[in-house]
Amino acid sequence: MSTTSLPTFLEFEAESLAAGFDEVLERPWAPGTVLDTHRHPFAASALVVQGTMWLRCGDVVRELRPGDRFALAPDEPHDERYGDEGATYWVARKNPL
């Protein structure tokens, strides 16, 4: 997907809230950042909008670039690594009640 076909943040937010997510934010990450295996109590659905990142869930590693989407279930173990230019993604969260 080319960056010209990316939704705006407001479009991503509206789509996410309509899908039942309750929080939408932008997450910029510095170049070379590494986050070891961790979990979140919320479900997440994200869209990479800048840079490159690698997401590992179990034995599967995905290289994600602008236009790529990923989703995580609550408490799903994963780790993240960000490229030489860092990365930014928009993420919708569905927090536990």
N, C-alpha and C. Protein backbone atom coordinates (compact mmCIF):
# COMPACT_ATOMS: atom_id res chain seq x y z
N MET A 1 0.85 -1.17 0.00
CA MET A 1 0.00 0.00 0.00
C MET A 1 0.90 1.23 0.00
N SER A 2 0.64 2.18 -0.85
CA SER A 2 1.44 3.40 -0.86
C SER A 2 0.91 4.36 0.19
N THR A 3 1.79 5.27 0.63
CA THR A 3 1.38 6.19 1.68
C THR A 3 0.27 7.13 1.22
N THR A 4 0.12 7.32 -0.11
CA THR A 4 -0.95 8.20 -0.58
C THR A 4 -2.32 7.59 -0.35
N SER A 5 -2.39 6.27 -0.17
CA SER A 5 -3.69 5.64 0.05
C SER A 5 -3.97 5.38 1.53
N LEU A 6 -3.11 5.87 2.41
CA LEU A 6 -3.36 5.72 3.84
C LEU A 6 -4.51 6.61 4.27
N PRO A 7 -5.31 6.16 5.22
CA PRO A 7 -6.35 7.04 5.75
C PRO A 7 -5.69 8.16 6.56
N THR A 8 -6.45 9.20 6.85
CA THR A 8 -5.96 10.20 7.79
C THR A 8 -6.11 9.63 9.20
N PHE A 9 -5.46 10.26 10.16
CA PHE A 9 -5.62 9.81 11.55
C PHE A 9 -7.09 9.88 11.96
N LEU A 10 -7.78 10.95 11.58
CA LEU A 10 -9.20 11.09 11.95
C LEU A 10 -10.05 9.99 11.33
N GLU A 11 -9.73 9.58 10.11
CA GLU A 11 -10.46 8.47 9.48
C GLU A 11 -10.18 7.16 10.21
N PHE A 12 -8.90 6.92 10.55
CA PHE A 12 -8.53 5.71 11.30
C PHE A 12 -9.25 5.70 12.65
N GLU A 13 -9.26 6.85 13.32
CA GLU A 13 -9.92 6.95 14.62
C GLU A 13 -11.41 6.66 14.51
N ALA A 14 -12.08 7.26 13.54
CA ALA A 14 -13.52 7.06 13.37
C ALA A 14 -13.83 5.59 13.06
N GLU A 15 -13.05 4.98 12.18
CA GLU A 15 -13.22 3.57 11.83
C GLU A 15 -13.03 2.69 13.06
N SER A 16 -12.02 2.99 13.86
CA SER A 16 -11.71 2.19 15.04
C SER A 16 -12.78 2.31 16.11
N LEU A 17 -13.25 3.53 16.36
CA LEU A 17 -14.29 3.73 17.37
C LEU A 17 -15.59 3.05 16.93
N ALA A 18 -15.88 3.10 15.63
CA ALA A 18 -17.08 2.44 15.11
C ALA A 18 -16.97 0.92 15.25
N ALA A 19 -15.74 0.40 15.25
CA ALA A 19 -15.52 -1.05 15.39
C ALA A 19 -15.48 -1.50 16.84
N GLY A 20 -15.69 -0.56 17.78
CA GLY A 20 -15.78 -0.93 19.19
C GLY A 20 -14.53 -0.68 20.02
N PHE A 21 -13.50 -0.10 19.42
CA PHE A 21 -12.33 0.25 20.21
C PHE A 21 -12.64 1.52 21.00
N ASP A 22 -12.00 1.69 22.16
CA ASP A 22 -12.35 2.84 23.00
C ASP A 22 -11.23 3.85 23.16
N GLU A 23 -10.08 3.60 22.55
CA GLU A 23 -8.95 4.52 22.66
C GLU A 23 -8.15 4.43 21.38
N VAL A 24 -7.76 5.58 20.81
CA VAL A 24 -6.97 5.61 19.58
C VAL A 24 -5.86 6.63 19.77
N LEU A 25 -4.63 6.22 19.47
CA LEU A 25 -3.51 7.13 19.64
C LEU A 25 -2.40 6.87 18.65
N GLU A 26 -1.49 7.83 18.57
CA GLU A 26 -0.31 7.72 17.72
C GLU A 26 0.87 7.31 18.58
N ARG A 27 1.64 6.32 18.12
CA ARG A 27 2.81 5.85 18.87
C ARG A 27 4.07 6.00 18.01
N PRO A 28 4.84 7.06 18.24
CA PRO A 28 6.13 7.19 17.54
C PRO A 28 7.22 6.47 18.34
N TRP A 29 8.15 5.81 17.64
CA TRP A 29 9.26 5.10 18.28
C TRP A 29 10.58 5.57 17.69
N ALA A 30 11.56 5.77 18.54
CA ALA A 30 12.88 6.25 18.14
C ALA A 30 13.63 5.17 17.36
N PRO A 31 14.56 5.60 16.50
CA PRO A 31 15.37 4.64 15.75
C PRO A 31 16.06 3.64 16.67
N GLY A 32 16.04 2.38 16.25
CA GLY A 32 16.75 1.33 16.97
C GLY A 32 16.12 0.86 18.27
N THR A 33 14.95 1.34 18.61
CA THR A 33 14.30 0.91 19.85
C THR A 33 13.99 -0.59 19.79
N VAL A 34 14.24 -1.29 20.89
CA VAL A 34 13.92 -2.70 21.01
C VAL A 34 13.08 -2.88 22.27
N LEU A 35 11.93 -3.53 22.14
CA LEU A 35 11.08 -3.85 23.28
C LEU A 35 11.05 -5.37 23.40
N ASP A 36 11.63 -5.87 24.47
CA ASP A 36 11.63 -7.31 24.69
C ASP A 36 10.21 -7.82 24.90
N THR A 37 10.06 -9.13 24.95
CA THR A 37 8.74 -9.75 25.05
C THR A 37 7.94 -9.16 26.20
N HIS A 38 6.72 -8.75 25.87
CA HIS A 38 5.82 -8.15 26.85
C HIS A 38 4.38 -8.41 26.42
N ARG A 39 3.45 -8.01 27.24
CA ARG A 39 2.01 -8.19 26.99
C ARG A 39 1.28 -6.90 27.36
N HIS A 40 0.08 -6.76 26.82
CA HIS A 40 -0.80 -5.65 27.17
C HIS A 40 -2.15 -6.22 27.59
N PRO A 41 -2.85 -5.57 28.51
CA PRO A 41 -4.16 -6.08 28.93
C PRO A 41 -5.27 -5.77 27.92
N PHE A 42 -4.97 -5.03 26.87
CA PHE A 42 -5.97 -4.61 25.89
C PHE A 42 -5.74 -5.28 24.54
N ALA A 43 -6.81 -5.36 23.74
CA ALA A 43 -6.70 -5.77 22.34
C ALA A 43 -6.21 -4.55 21.56
N ALA A 44 -5.43 -4.79 20.51
CA ALA A 44 -4.90 -3.68 19.72
C ALA A 44 -5.04 -3.97 18.23
N SER A 45 -5.32 -2.91 17.49
CA SER A 45 -5.35 -2.96 16.04
C SER A 45 -4.60 -1.73 15.56
N ALA A 46 -3.55 -1.94 14.75
CA ALA A 46 -2.66 -0.82 14.42
C ALA A 46 -2.37 -0.73 12.93
N LEU A 47 -2.00 0.47 12.52
CA LEU A 47 -1.62 0.77 11.15
C LEU A 47 -0.28 1.50 11.18
N VAL A 48 0.73 0.93 10.55
CA VAL A 48 2.05 1.58 10.46
C VAL A 48 1.94 2.72 9.45
N VAL A 49 2.40 3.92 9.84
CA VAL A 49 2.29 5.08 8.95
C VAL A 49 3.64 5.68 8.59
N GLN A 50 4.72 5.24 9.26
CA GLN A 50 6.05 5.77 8.96
C GLN A 50 7.09 4.79 9.44
N GLY A 51 8.18 4.63 8.67
CA GLY A 51 9.31 3.82 9.10
C GLY A 51 9.10 2.33 8.93
N THR A 52 9.93 1.57 9.63
CA THR A 52 9.90 0.11 9.58
C THR A 52 10.00 -0.45 10.98
N MET A 53 9.23 -1.50 11.22
CA MET A 53 9.30 -2.20 12.50
C MET A 53 9.19 -3.69 12.25
N TRP A 54 9.65 -4.46 13.21
CA TRP A 54 9.51 -5.91 13.18
C TRP A 54 8.76 -6.32 14.43
N LEU A 55 7.72 -7.12 14.23
CA LEU A 55 6.86 -7.59 15.31
C LEU A 55 6.97 -9.11 15.37
N ARG A 56 7.33 -9.62 16.54
CA ARG A 56 7.42 -11.08 16.71
C ARG A 56 6.34 -11.53 17.67
N CYS A 57 5.53 -12.48 17.20
CA CYS A 57 4.52 -13.15 18.02
C CYS A 57 4.81 -14.64 17.90
N GLY A 58 5.24 -15.26 18.99
CA GLY A 58 5.63 -16.66 18.94
C GLY A 58 6.84 -16.82 18.04
N ASP A 59 6.75 -17.71 17.06
CA ASP A 59 7.86 -17.94 16.13
C ASP A 59 7.74 -17.13 14.85
N VAL A 60 6.73 -16.29 14.75
CA VAL A 60 6.47 -15.53 13.52
C VAL A 60 6.97 -14.09 13.69
N VAL A 61 7.85 -13.68 12.76
CA VAL A 61 8.35 -12.31 12.74
C VAL A 61 7.83 -11.65 11.47
N ARG A 62 7.21 -10.48 11.64
CA ARG A 62 6.69 -9.72 10.49
C ARG A 62 7.44 -8.41 10.37
N GLU A 63 7.89 -8.09 9.17
CA GLU A 63 8.44 -6.78 8.87
C GLU A 63 7.28 -5.91 8.42
N LEU A 64 7.08 -4.78 9.09
CA LEU A 64 5.93 -3.92 8.82
C LEU A 64 6.40 -2.56 8.36
N ARG A 65 5.79 -2.09 7.30
CA ARG A 65 6.11 -0.78 6.69
C ARG A 65 4.82 0.03 6.55
N PRO A 66 4.91 1.30 6.15
CA PRO A 66 3.70 2.11 6.00
C PRO A 66 2.64 1.41 5.16
N GLY A 67 1.42 1.40 5.71
CA GLY A 67 0.30 0.75 5.06
C GLY A 67 0.01 -0.63 5.62
N ASP A 68 0.97 -1.23 6.33
CA ASP A 68 0.76 -2.55 6.92
C ASP A 68 0.00 -2.42 8.23
N ARG A 69 -0.86 -3.38 8.48
CA ARG A 69 -1.66 -3.42 9.72
C ARG A 69 -1.27 -4.64 10.53
N PHE A 70 -1.47 -4.53 11.84
CA PHE A 70 -1.30 -5.69 12.71
C PHE A 70 -2.30 -5.60 13.84
N ALA A 71 -2.59 -6.76 14.42
CA ALA A 71 -3.53 -6.83 15.54
C ALA A 71 -2.94 -7.75 16.61
N LEU A 72 -3.24 -7.42 17.85
CA LEU A 72 -2.81 -8.24 18.99
C LEU A 72 -4.00 -8.48 19.91
N ALA A 73 -4.13 -9.72 20.34
CA ALA A 73 -5.16 -10.06 21.31
C ALA A 73 -4.71 -9.61 22.70
N PRO A 74 -5.63 -9.43 23.64
CA PRO A 74 -5.22 -9.10 25.01
C PRO A 74 -4.26 -10.16 25.55
N ASP A 75 -3.22 -9.71 26.23
CA ASP A 75 -2.23 -10.58 26.87
C ASP A 75 -1.43 -11.44 25.90
N GLU A 76 -1.42 -11.09 24.61
CA GLU A 76 -0.62 -11.84 23.64
C GLU A 76 0.85 -11.44 23.75
N PRO A 77 1.75 -12.38 24.07
CA PRO A 77 3.16 -12.04 24.18
C PRO A 77 3.73 -11.66 22.81
N HIS A 78 4.51 -10.60 22.78
CA HIS A 78 5.13 -10.15 21.54
C HIS A 78 6.34 -9.29 21.86
N ASP A 79 7.22 -9.13 20.87
CA ASP A 79 8.29 -8.16 21.01
C ASP A 79 8.37 -7.32 19.75
N GLU A 80 9.03 -6.17 19.89
CA GLU A 80 9.06 -5.19 18.81
C GLU A 80 10.48 -4.67 18.64
N ARG A 81 10.82 -4.41 17.37
CA ARG A 81 12.12 -3.81 17.05
C ARG A 81 11.88 -2.78 15.97
N TYR A 82 12.50 -1.62 16.11
CA TYR A 82 12.27 -0.51 15.19
C TYR A 82 13.52 -0.23 14.37
N GLY A 83 13.33 0.13 13.10
CA GLY A 83 14.41 0.32 12.16
C GLY A 83 15.25 1.57 12.40
N ASP A 84 16.18 1.81 11.46
CA ASP A 84 17.13 2.91 11.57
C ASP A 84 16.49 4.28 11.57
N GLU A 85 15.28 4.39 11.02
CA GLU A 85 14.58 5.68 11.02
C GLU A 85 13.47 5.72 12.05
N GLY A 86 13.37 4.68 12.88
CA GLY A 86 12.27 4.59 13.83
C GLY A 86 11.00 4.22 13.10
N ALA A 87 9.89 4.37 13.75
CA ALA A 87 8.59 4.07 13.13
C ALA A 87 7.49 4.75 13.93
N THR A 88 6.38 4.96 13.26
CA THR A 88 5.18 5.48 13.91
C THR A 88 4.01 4.63 13.46
N TYR A 89 3.16 4.28 14.42
CA TYR A 89 1.91 3.62 14.06
C TYR A 89 0.77 4.24 14.84
N TRP A 90 -0.42 4.12 14.24
CA TRP A 90 -1.65 4.51 14.92
C TRP A 90 -2.24 3.25 15.49
N VAL A 91 -2.67 3.29 16.73
CA VAL A 91 -3.19 2.09 17.36
C VAL A 91 -4.53 2.37 18.03
N ALA A 92 -5.45 1.44 17.78
CA ALA A 92 -6.74 1.45 18.46
C ALA A 92 -6.69 0.38 19.54
N ARG A 93 -7.14 0.74 20.73
CA ARG A 93 -7.12 -0.20 21.85
C ARG A 93 -8.53 -0.45 22.33
N LYS A 94 -8.77 -1.71 22.69
CA LYS A 94 -10.03 -2.10 23.33
C LYS A 94 -9.65 -2.55 24.73
N ASN A 95 -9.85 -1.64 25.69
CA ASN A 95 -9.45 -1.89 27.07
C ASN A 95 -10.44 -2.83 27.78
N PRO A 96 -9.95 -3.62 28.74
CA PRO A 96 -10.86 -4.49 29.49
C PRO A 96 -11.84 -3.64 30.30
N LEU A 97 -13.02 -4.18 30.49
CA LEU A 97 -14.04 -3.46 31.27
C LEU A 97 -13.76 -3.48 32.73
